[in-house]
Amino acid sequence: MIEFVNLSKNFNKKNSNFQALNNINLTVQQGEIFGIVGKSGAGKSTLLRCANLLEKPSFGNIILDGVNLNSLSEKELRLKRRKIGMVFQHFNLLTHSTVFKNIALPLEVAGFSKKEIKDRVDYLLKVVDLSEKINSYPDELSGGQKQRVAIARALANSPSVLLCDEVTSALDAQTSKSVLNLLKKINKEFGVTILLITHQIEVVQYICHRVAVIEKGGLVEVSKKEEFMQEPKSREGKSLIFSHDFSSEMAVSFI
């Protein structure tokens, strides 16, 4: 479970103060696939990066599985972060390392033995259906395959939470669906809580259990997915739904 308690984040730029997040109170339940939507610049990615303290909040707390991350020492936080996987829009793979080395890296940092690392990487490659690519390099992979490698890497330390930042935005419709199906599988089989940032309403419709809407750094709506899709409560939620093209290639591919 992830809790954001009275969370605010300010950035100081050129002698001015910009408030990216304003008093966010939000609970993501264990085992949920939880979507966060909003227009560009609304604060979605900042909230996600606060979830593992890549961005330290100006005010408020982040509580993961009952532990206040703000109260941890640097060493304790590094250990806790191993239970928080992160997947990015543009994959963030090491271009000069093989698929094996990319997935093995967090395990090496954590101090696992060579045999443990090999066994874990082999297992994860089976999970993401890429066993045959173990010795390939990122530039030999398609976009969808790169994202599967990134997901396998994020799962290396058996996290309880997976943070996903626009994981399908760089992919075509069919590839996006296959990646989302993989996330569904991970959520169902491993019980991993998934917190997912997206601007694609189809992604919310296809994969999420609940959704939060952020507008100008503030939380304006939290709804079950079905309620949000049928009758959004907030002005921003209505704008996102009613302005969306549900006849687009992406939308049609998810039907």
C-alpha atoms as a PDB file:
ATOM      1  CA  MET A   1       0.000   0.000   0.000  1.00  0.00           C
ATOM      2  CA  ILE A   2       1.183   3.523  -0.824  1.00  0.00           C
ATOM      3  CA  GLU A   3      -0.077   6.575   1.025  1.00  0.00           C
ATOM      4  CA  PHE A   4       0.562  10.195   0.095  1.00  0.00           C
ATOM      5  CA  VAL A   5      -0.202  12.319   3.151  1.00  0.00           C
ATOM      6  CA  ASN A   6      -0.515  16.132   2.825  1.00  0.00           C
ATOM      7  CA  LEU A   7       2.059  15.954   0.036  1.00  0.00           C
ATOM      8  CA  SER A   8       3.300  19.164  -1.571  1.00  0.00           C
ATOM      9  CA  LYS A   9       6.272  19.804  -3.848  1.00  0.00           C
ATOM     10  CA  ASN A  10       7.698  23.211  -4.677  1.00  0.00           C
ATOM     11  CA  PHE A  11      10.436  24.047  -7.166  1.00  0.00           C
ATOM     12  CA  ASN A  12      12.485  27.216  -6.933  1.00  0.00           C
ATOM     13  CA  LYS A  13      13.410  28.560 -10.355  1.00  0.00           C
ATOM     14  CA  LYS A  14      14.993  31.923 -11.121  1.00  0.00           C
ATOM     15  CA  ASN A  15      13.944  33.442  -7.819  1.00  0.00           C
ATOM     16  CA  SER A  16      10.360  32.246  -8.240  1.00  0.00           C
ATOM     17  CA  ASN A  17       8.514  29.422  -6.542  1.00  0.00           C
ATOM     18  CA  PHE A  18       6.510  26.925  -8.586  1.00  0.00           C
ATOM     19  CA  GLN A  19       4.145  24.573  -6.779  1.00  0.00           C
ATOM     20  CA  ALA A  20       4.078  21.284  -8.703  1.00  0.00           C
ATOM     21  CA  LEU A  21       1.963  19.429  -6.122  1.00  0.00           C
ATOM     22  CA  ASN A  22      -0.464  20.902  -3.618  1.00  0.00           C
ATOM     23  CA  ASN A  23      -1.568  18.960  -0.526  1.00  0.00           C
ATOM     24  CA  ILE A  24      -2.107  15.551  -2.125  1.00  0.00           C
ATOM     25  CA  ASN A  25      -3.858  12.959   0.045  1.00  0.00           C
ATOM     26  CA  LEU A  26      -4.159   9.626  -1.718  1.00  0.00           C
ATOM     27  CA  THR A  27      -4.099   5.933  -0.781  1.00  0.00           C
ATOM     28  CA  VAL A  28      -3.270   3.193  -3.293  1.00  0.00           C
ATOM     29  CA  GLN A  29      -4.362  -0.176  -1.937  1.00  0.00           C
ATOM     30  CA  GLN A  30      -2.218  -3.310  -2.021  1.00  0.00           C
ATOM     31  CA  GLY A  31      -2.748  -5.198  -5.278  1.00  0.00           C
ATOM     32  CA  GLU A  32      -4.378  -2.332  -7.176  1.00  0.00           C
ATOM     33  CA  ILE A  33      -3.558  -1.084 -10.637  1.00  0.00           C
ATOM     34  CA  PHE A  34      -4.022   2.611 -10.003  1.00  0.00           C
ATOM     35  CA  GLY A  35      -3.941   5.191 -12.782  1.00  0.00           C
ATOM     36  CA  ILE A  36      -3.044   8.866 -12.483  1.00  0.00           C
ATOM     37  CA  VAL A  37      -4.196  11.106 -15.325  1.00  0.00           C
ATOM     38  CA  GLY A  38      -4.085  14.781 -16.140  1.00  0.00           C
ATOM     39  CA  LYS A  39      -2.914  17.163 -18.803  1.00  0.00           C
ATOM     40  CA  SER A  40       0.752  17.802 -19.525  1.00  0.00           C
ATOM     41  CA  GLY A  41       2.351  19.706 -16.661  1.00  0.00           C
ATOM     42  CA  ALA A  42      -0.381  18.768 -14.179  1.00  0.00           C
ATOM     43  CA  GLY A  43       2.130  17.158 -11.786  1.00  0.00           C
ATOM     44  CA  LYS A  44       1.642  13.459 -12.585  1.00  0.00           C
ATOM     45  CA  SER A  45       5.300  12.532 -13.054  1.00  0.00           C
ATOM     46  CA  THR A  46       6.356  14.610 -10.065  1.00  0.00           C
ATOM     47  CA  LEU A  47       3.929  12.644  -7.899  1.00  0.00           C
ATOM     48  CA  LEU A  48       5.306   9.364  -9.213  1.00  0.00           C
ATOM     49  CA  ARG A  49       8.897  10.420  -8.528  1.00  0.00           C
ATOM     50  CA  CYS A  50       7.910  11.426  -4.997  1.00  0.00           C
ATOM     51  CA  ALA A  51       6.627   7.888  -4.422  1.00  0.00           C
ATOM     52  CA  ASN A  52      10.202   6.587  -4.065  1.00  0.00           C
ATOM     53  CA  LEU A  53      11.726   9.944  -3.039  1.00  0.00           C
ATOM     54  CA  LEU A  54      13.541  10.512  -6.319  1.00  0.00           C
ATOM     55  CA  GLU A  55      11.898  13.870  -5.721  1.00  0.00           C
ATOM     56  CA  LYS A  56      11.811  14.772  -2.049  1.00  0.00           C
ATOM     57  CA  PRO A  57       8.533  16.442  -1.076  1.00  0.00           C
ATOM     58  CA  SER A  58       8.573  19.964   0.294  1.00  0.00           C
ATOM     59  CA  PHE A  59       5.869  18.993   2.779  1.00  0.00           C
ATOM     60  CA  GLY A  60       4.051  15.819   3.736  1.00  0.00           C
ATOM     61  CA  ASN A  61       4.906  12.139   3.823  1.00  0.00           C
ATOM     62  CA  ILE A  62       5.015   9.011   1.672  1.00  0.00           C
ATOM     63  CA  ILE A  63       4.162   5.807   3.511  1.00  0.00           C
ATOM     64  CA  LEU A  64       4.952   2.474   1.853  1.00  0.00           C
ATOM     65  CA  ASP A  65       3.644  -0.709   3.476  1.00  0.00           C
ATOM     66  CA  GLY A  66       3.365   1.114   6.795  1.00  0.00           C
ATOM     67  CA  VAL A  67       6.856   2.671   6.653  1.00  0.00           C
ATOM     68  CA  ASN A  68       7.272   6.447   6.405  1.00  0.00           C
ATOM     69  CA  LEU A  69       9.950   6.848   3.743  1.00  0.00           C
ATOM     70  CA  ASN A  70      10.718  10.389   4.908  1.00  0.00           C
ATOM     71  CA  SER A  71      11.883   9.057   8.274  1.00  0.00           C
ATOM     72  CA  LEU A  72      14.480   6.655   6.851  1.00  0.00           C
ATOM     73  CA  SER A  73      18.220   7.178   6.762  1.00  0.00           C
ATOM     74  CA  GLU A  74      19.917   7.175   3.350  1.00  0.00           C
ATOM     75  CA  LYS A  75      20.989   3.558   3.852  1.00  0.00           C
ATOM     76  CA  GLU A  76      17.513   2.479   4.972  1.00  0.00           C
ATOM     77  CA  LEU A  77      15.954   4.302   2.015  1.00  0.00           C
ATOM     78  CA  ARG A  78      18.279   2.561  -0.464  1.00  0.00           C
ATOM     79  CA  LEU A  79      17.187  -0.803   0.931  1.00  0.00           C
ATOM     80  CA  LYS A  80      13.498   0.150   0.855  1.00  0.00           C
ATOM     81  CA  ARG A  81      13.767   1.348  -2.743  1.00  0.00           C
ATOM     82  CA  ARG A  82      14.639  -2.198  -3.783  1.00  0.00           C
ATOM     83  CA  LYS A  83      10.983  -2.995  -3.135  1.00  0.00           C
ATOM     84  CA  ILE A  84       9.870  -0.209  -5.479  1.00  0.00           C
ATOM     85  CA  GLY A  85      10.394  -1.020  -9.162  1.00  0.00           C
ATOM     86  CA  MET A  86      10.245   1.737 -11.781  1.00  0.00           C
ATOM     87  CA  VAL A  87       9.566   1.571 -15.525  1.00  0.00           C
ATOM     88  CA  PHE A  88      10.069   4.594 -17.768  1.00  0.00           C
ATOM     89  CA  GLN A  89       8.602   5.804 -21.049  1.00  0.00           C
ATOM     90  CA  HIS A  90      11.906   5.548 -22.912  1.00  0.00           C
ATOM     91  CA  PHE A  91      13.083   2.302 -21.297  1.00  0.00           C
ATOM     92  CA  ASN A  92      16.375   3.682 -19.823  1.00  0.00           C
ATOM     93  CA  LEU A  93      18.336   0.549 -20.736  1.00  0.00           C
ATOM     94  CA  LEU A  94      22.135   0.426 -20.769  1.00  0.00           C
ATOM     95  CA  THR A  95      22.813   0.462 -24.504  1.00  0.00           C
ATOM     96  CA  HIS A  96      26.225  -1.238 -24.311  1.00  0.00           C
ATOM     97  CA  SER A  97      25.048  -4.058 -22.044  1.00  0.00           C
ATOM     98  CA  THR A  98      23.197  -7.223 -22.995  1.00  0.00           C
ATOM     99  CA  VAL A  99      19.662  -7.998 -21.926  1.00  0.00           C
ATOM    100  CA  PHE A 100      21.117 -10.280 -19.257  1.00  0.00           C
ATOM    101  CA  LYS A 101      23.357  -7.529 -17.863  1.00  0.00           C
ATOM    102  CA  ASN A 102      20.535  -4.959 -17.872  1.00  0.00           C
ATOM    103  CA  ILE A 103      18.290  -7.197 -15.775  1.00  0.00           C
ATOM    104  CA  ALA A 104      21.151  -8.424 -13.587  1.00  0.00           C
ATOM    105  CA  LEU A 105      22.352  -4.935 -12.608  1.00  0.00           C
ATOM    106  CA  PRO A 106      20.031  -4.322  -9.619  1.00  0.00           C
ATOM    107  CA  LEU A 107      20.752  -7.836  -8.363  1.00  0.00           C
ATOM    108  CA  GLU A 108      24.499  -7.226  -8.568  1.00  0.00           C
ATOM    109  CA  VAL A 109      24.078  -3.982  -6.632  1.00  0.00           C
ATOM    110  CA  ALA A 110      22.046  -5.870  -4.010  1.00  0.00           C
ATOM    111  CA  GLY A 111      24.878  -8.383  -3.568  1.00  0.00           C
ATOM    112  CA  PHE A 112      23.334 -11.581  -4.925  1.00  0.00           C
ATOM    113  CA  SER A 113      25.616 -14.453  -5.959  1.00  0.00           C
ATOM    114  CA  LYS A 114      26.285 -15.198  -9.624  1.00  0.00           C
ATOM    115  CA  LYS A 115      24.118 -18.311  -9.486  1.00  0.00           C
ATOM    116  CA  GLU A 116      21.253 -16.437  -7.815  1.00  0.00           C
ATOM    117  CA  ILE A 117      21.519 -13.722 -10.444  1.00  0.00           C
ATOM    118  CA  LYS A 118      21.512 -16.185 -13.340  1.00  0.00           C
ATOM    119  CA  ASP A 119      18.532 -18.087 -11.936  1.00  0.00           C
ATOM    120  CA  ARG A 120      16.574 -14.896 -11.317  1.00  0.00           C
ATOM    121  CA  VAL A 121      17.320 -13.393 -14.746  1.00  0.00           C
ATOM    122  CA  ASP A 122      16.402 -16.656 -16.485  1.00  0.00           C
ATOM    123  CA  TYR A 123      13.121 -16.727 -14.568  1.00  0.00           C
ATOM    124  CA  LEU A 124      12.273 -13.091 -15.323  1.00  0.00           C
ATOM    125  CA  LEU A 125      12.982 -13.540 -19.013  1.00  0.00           C
ATOM    126  CA  LYS A 126      10.459 -16.370 -19.034  1.00  0.00           C
ATOM    127  CA  VAL A 127       7.933 -14.105 -17.298  1.00  0.00           C
ATOM    128  CA  VAL A 128       8.318 -11.418 -19.984  1.00  0.00           C
ATOM    129  CA  ASP A 129       8.641 -13.999 -22.794  1.00  0.00           C
ATOM    130  CA  LEU A 130      12.109 -12.951 -23.960  1.00  0.00           C
ATOM    131  CA  SER A 131      14.347 -15.913 -23.060  1.00  0.00           C
ATOM    132  CA  GLU A 132      15.754 -16.057 -26.580  1.00  0.00           C
ATOM    133  CA  LYS A 133      16.995 -12.436 -26.302  1.00  0.00           C
ATOM    134  CA  ILE A 134      19.230 -12.991 -23.265  1.00  0.00           C
ATOM    135  CA  ASN A 135      22.452 -12.127 -25.121  1.00  0.00           C
ATOM    136  CA  SER A 136      20.980  -9.404 -27.355  1.00  0.00           C
ATOM    137  CA  TYR A 137      21.724  -5.692 -27.026  1.00  0.00           C
ATOM    138  CA  PRO A 138      19.024  -3.007 -26.757  1.00  0.00           C
ATOM    139  CA  ASP A 139      19.573  -1.715 -30.297  1.00  0.00           C
ATOM    140  CA  GLU A 140      18.721  -5.211 -31.555  1.00  0.00           C
ATOM    141  CA  LEU A 141      15.288  -5.109 -29.887  1.00  0.00           C
ATOM    142  CA  SER A 142      11.948  -3.616 -30.877  1.00  0.00           C
ATOM    143  CA  GLY A 143      10.341  -0.961 -28.682  1.00  0.00           C
ATOM    144  CA  GLY A 144       8.029  -3.502 -27.092  1.00  0.00           C
ATOM    145  CA  GLN A 145      10.908  -5.862 -26.355  1.00  0.00           C
ATOM    146  CA  LYS A 146      12.899  -3.037 -24.776  1.00  0.00           C
ATOM    147  CA  GLN A 147       9.972  -2.230 -22.513  1.00  0.00           C
ATOM    148  CA  ARG A 148       9.672  -5.906 -21.521  1.00  0.00           C
ATOM    149  CA  VAL A 149      13.346  -5.915 -20.572  1.00  0.00           C
ATOM    150  CA  ALA A 150      12.775  -2.749 -18.538  1.00  0.00           C
ATOM    151  CA  ILE A 151       9.853  -4.412 -16.754  1.00  0.00           C
ATOM    152  CA  ALA A 152      11.950  -7.510 -16.032  1.00  0.00           C
ATOM    153  CA  ARG A 153      14.692  -5.295 -14.586  1.00  0.00           C
ATOM    154  CA  ALA A 154      12.142  -3.474 -12.421  1.00  0.00           C
ATOM    155  CA  LEU A 155      10.987  -6.848 -11.065  1.00  0.00           C
ATOM    156  CA  ALA A 156      14.517  -8.077 -10.286  1.00  0.00           C
ATOM    157  CA  ASN A 157      14.340  -7.457  -6.535  1.00  0.00           C
ATOM    158  CA  SER A 158      10.759  -8.759  -6.179  1.00  0.00           C
ATOM    159  CA  PRO A 159       9.205  -5.345  -5.500  1.00  0.00           C
ATOM    160  CA  SER A 160       5.841  -4.903  -3.837  1.00  0.00           C
ATOM    161  CA  VAL A 161       5.182  -1.783  -5.926  1.00  0.00           C
ATOM    162  CA  LEU A 162       5.794  -1.006  -9.593  1.00  0.00           C
ATOM    163  CA  LEU A 163       5.862   2.654 -10.676  1.00  0.00           C
ATOM    164  CA  CYS A 164       5.121   3.084 -14.384  1.00  0.00           C
ATOM    165  CA  ASP A 165       5.688   6.441 -16.079  1.00  0.00           C
ATOM    166  CA  GLU A 166       3.940   6.608 -19.497  1.00  0.00           C
ATOM    167  CA  VAL A 167       5.126   3.072 -20.288  1.00  0.00           C
ATOM    168  CA  THR A 168       3.130   2.802 -23.539  1.00  0.00           C
ATOM    169  CA  SER A 169       3.515   6.344 -24.889  1.00  0.00           C
ATOM    170  CA  ALA A 170       6.435   5.443 -27.156  1.00  0.00           C
ATOM    171  CA  LEU A 171       4.764   2.268 -28.487  1.00  0.00           C
ATOM    172  CA  ASP A 172       2.246   1.512 -31.237  1.00  0.00           C
ATOM    173  CA  ALA A 173      -1.262   0.312 -30.430  1.00  0.00           C
ATOM    174  CA  GLN A 174      -0.739  -3.455 -30.619  1.00  0.00           C
ATOM    175  CA  THR A 175       2.591  -3.331 -28.786  1.00  0.00           C
ATOM    176  CA  SER A 176       1.007  -1.172 -26.088  1.00  0.00           C
ATOM    177  CA  LYS A 177      -1.705  -3.774 -25.572  1.00  0.00           C
ATOM    178  CA  SER A 178       0.849  -6.570 -25.199  1.00  0.00           C
ATOM    179  CA  VAL A 179       2.811  -4.573 -22.605  1.00  0.00           C
ATOM    180  CA  LEU A 180      -0.372  -3.795 -20.663  1.00  0.00           C
ATOM    181  CA  ASN A 181      -1.328  -7.472 -20.760  1.00  0.00           C
ATOM    182  CA  LEU A 182       2.070  -8.236 -19.233  1.00  0.00           C
ATOM    183  CA  LEU A 183       1.425  -5.711 -16.440  1.00  0.00           C
ATOM    184  CA  LYS A 184      -1.975  -7.315 -15.818  1.00  0.00           C
ATOM    185  CA  LYS A 185      -0.265 -10.702 -15.549  1.00  0.00           C
ATOM    186  CA  ILE A 186       2.329  -9.377 -13.103  1.00  0.00           C
ATOM    187  CA  ASN A 187      -0.373  -7.752 -10.979  1.00  0.00           C
ATOM    188  CA  LYS A 188      -2.506 -10.901 -10.902  1.00  0.00           C
ATOM    189  CA  GLU A 189       0.182 -13.552 -10.469  1.00  0.00           C
ATOM    190  CA  PHE A 190       2.602 -11.709  -8.167  1.00  0.00           C
ATOM    191  CA  GLY A 191       0.212  -9.330  -6.390  1.00  0.00           C
ATOM    192  CA  VAL A 192       2.385  -6.336  -7.285  1.00  0.00           C
ATOM    193  CA  THR A 193       0.724  -2.968  -6.737  1.00  0.00           C
ATOM    194  CA  ILE A 194       1.021  -0.854  -9.886  1.00  0.00           C
ATOM    195  CA  LEU A 195       0.920   2.950  -9.863  1.00  0.00           C
ATOM    196  CA  LEU A 196       0.664   4.091 -13.451  1.00  0.00           C
ATOM    197  CA  ILE A 197       0.984   7.567 -14.964  1.00  0.00           C
ATOM    198  CA  THR A 198      -0.630   7.987 -18.364  1.00  0.00           C
ATOM    199  CA  HIS A 199      -2.234  10.536 -20.653  1.00  0.00           C
ATOM    200  CA  GLN A 200      -3.901   7.732 -22.643  1.00  0.00           C
ATOM    201  CA  ILE A 201      -7.490   7.230 -21.525  1.00  0.00           C
ATOM    202  CA  GLU A 202      -7.499   3.832 -23.272  1.00  0.00           C
ATOM    203  CA  VAL A 203      -4.837   2.645 -20.836  1.00  0.00           C
ATOM    204  CA  VAL A 204      -7.021   3.598 -17.859  1.00  0.00           C
ATOM    205  CA  GLN A 205     -10.007   1.886 -19.440  1.00  0.00           C
ATOM    206  CA  TYR A 206      -8.072  -1.279 -20.230  1.00  0.00           C
ATOM    207  CA  ILE A 207      -5.975  -1.899 -17.141  1.00  0.00           C
ATOM    208  CA  CYS A 208      -6.791   0.267 -14.109  1.00  0.00           C
ATOM    209  CA  HIS A 209      -8.965  -0.521 -11.101  1.00  0.00           C
ATOM    210  CA  ARG A 210      -9.141   3.078  -9.882  1.00  0.00           C
ATOM    211  CA  VAL A 211      -7.997   6.421 -11.220  1.00  0.00           C
ATOM    212  CA  ALA A 212      -7.006   9.815  -9.836  1.00  0.00           C
ATOM    213  CA  VAL A 213      -7.197  13.075 -11.781  1.00  0.00           C
ATOM    214  CA  ILE A 214      -4.624  15.802 -11.144  1.00  0.00           C
ATOM    215  CA  GLU A 215      -5.093  19.390 -12.269  1.00  0.00           C
ATOM    216  CA  LYS A 216      -2.471  22.100 -11.708  1.00  0.00           C
ATOM    217  CA  GLY A 217      -0.836  20.069  -8.944  1.00  0.00           C
ATOM    218  CA  GLY A 218      -4.040  19.349  -7.063  1.00  0.00           C
ATOM    219  CA  LEU A 219      -6.017  16.151  -6.686  1.00  0.00           C
ATOM    220  CA  VAL A 220      -9.490  16.834  -8.107  1.00  0.00           C
ATOM    221  CA  GLU A 221     -11.001  13.350  -8.397  1.00  0.00           C
ATOM    222  CA  VAL A 222     -10.536   9.747  -7.281  1.00  0.00           C
ATOM    223  CA  SER A 223     -12.923   7.217  -8.805  1.00  0.00           C
ATOM    224  CA  LYS A 224     -13.370   3.605  -9.696  1.00  0.00           C
ATOM    225  CA  LYS A 225     -12.402   3.111 -13.335  1.00  0.00           C
ATOM    226  CA  GLU A 226     -15.968   2.330 -14.432  1.00  0.00           C
ATOM    227  CA  GLU A 227     -17.357   5.450 -12.734  1.00  0.00           C
ATOM    228  CA  PHE A 228     -14.653   7.635 -14.233  1.00  0.00           C
ATOM    229  CA  MET A 229     -15.242   6.347 -17.760  1.00  0.00           C
ATOM    230  CA  GLN A 230     -19.033   6.701 -17.549  1.00  0.00           C
ATOM    231  CA  GLU A 231     -19.517   9.794 -15.403  1.00  0.00           C
ATOM    232  CA  PRO A 232     -16.389  11.691 -14.306  1.00  0.00           C
ATOM    233  CA  LYS A 233     -17.011  13.929 -11.305  1.00  0.00           C
ATOM    234  CA  SER A 234     -14.493  16.731 -11.854  1.00  0.00           C
ATOM    235  CA  ARG A 235     -14.367  19.364 -14.571  1.00  0.00           C
ATOM    236  CA  GLU A 236     -10.894  18.141 -15.555  1.00  0.00           C
ATOM    237  CA  GLY A 237     -12.047  14.519 -15.659  1.00  0.00           C
ATOM    238  CA  LYS A 238     -14.960  15.461 -17.909  1.00  0.00           C
ATOM    239  CA  SER A 239     -12.596  17.380 -20.176  1.00  0.00           C
ATOM    240  CA  LEU A 240     -10.269  14.390 -20.491  1.00  0.00           C
ATOM    241  CA  ILE A 241     -13.108  11.962 -21.266  1.00  0.00           C
ATOM    242  CA  PHE A 242     -15.269  14.123 -23.522  1.00  0.00           C
ATOM    243  CA  SER A 243     -12.354  15.433 -25.593  1.00  0.00           C
ATOM    244  CA  HIS A 244     -10.943  11.965 -26.172  1.00  0.00           C
ATOM    245  CA  ASP A 245     -11.174  10.231 -29.542  1.00  0.00           C
ATOM    246  CA  PHE A 246     -12.501   6.761 -28.768  1.00  0.00           C
ATOM    247  CA  SER A 247     -12.371   5.857 -32.458  1.00  0.00           C
ATOM    248  CA  SER A 248      -8.573   6.223 -32.635  1.00  0.00           C
ATOM    249  CA  GLU A 249      -6.335   3.302 -33.570  1.00  0.00           C
ATOM    250  CA  MET A 250      -5.213   2.967 -29.954  1.00  0.00           C
ATOM    251  CA  ALA A 251      -8.769   2.917 -28.609  1.00  0.00           C
ATOM    252  CA  VAL A 252     -10.034   0.442 -31.201  1.00  0.00           C
ATOM    253  CA  SER A 253      -7.088  -1.919 -30.615  1.00  0.00           C
ATOM    254  CA  PHE A 254      -8.034  -2.268 -26.920  1.00  0.00           C
ATOM    255  CA  ILE A 255     -11.597  -3.393 -27.625  1.00  0.00           C
END
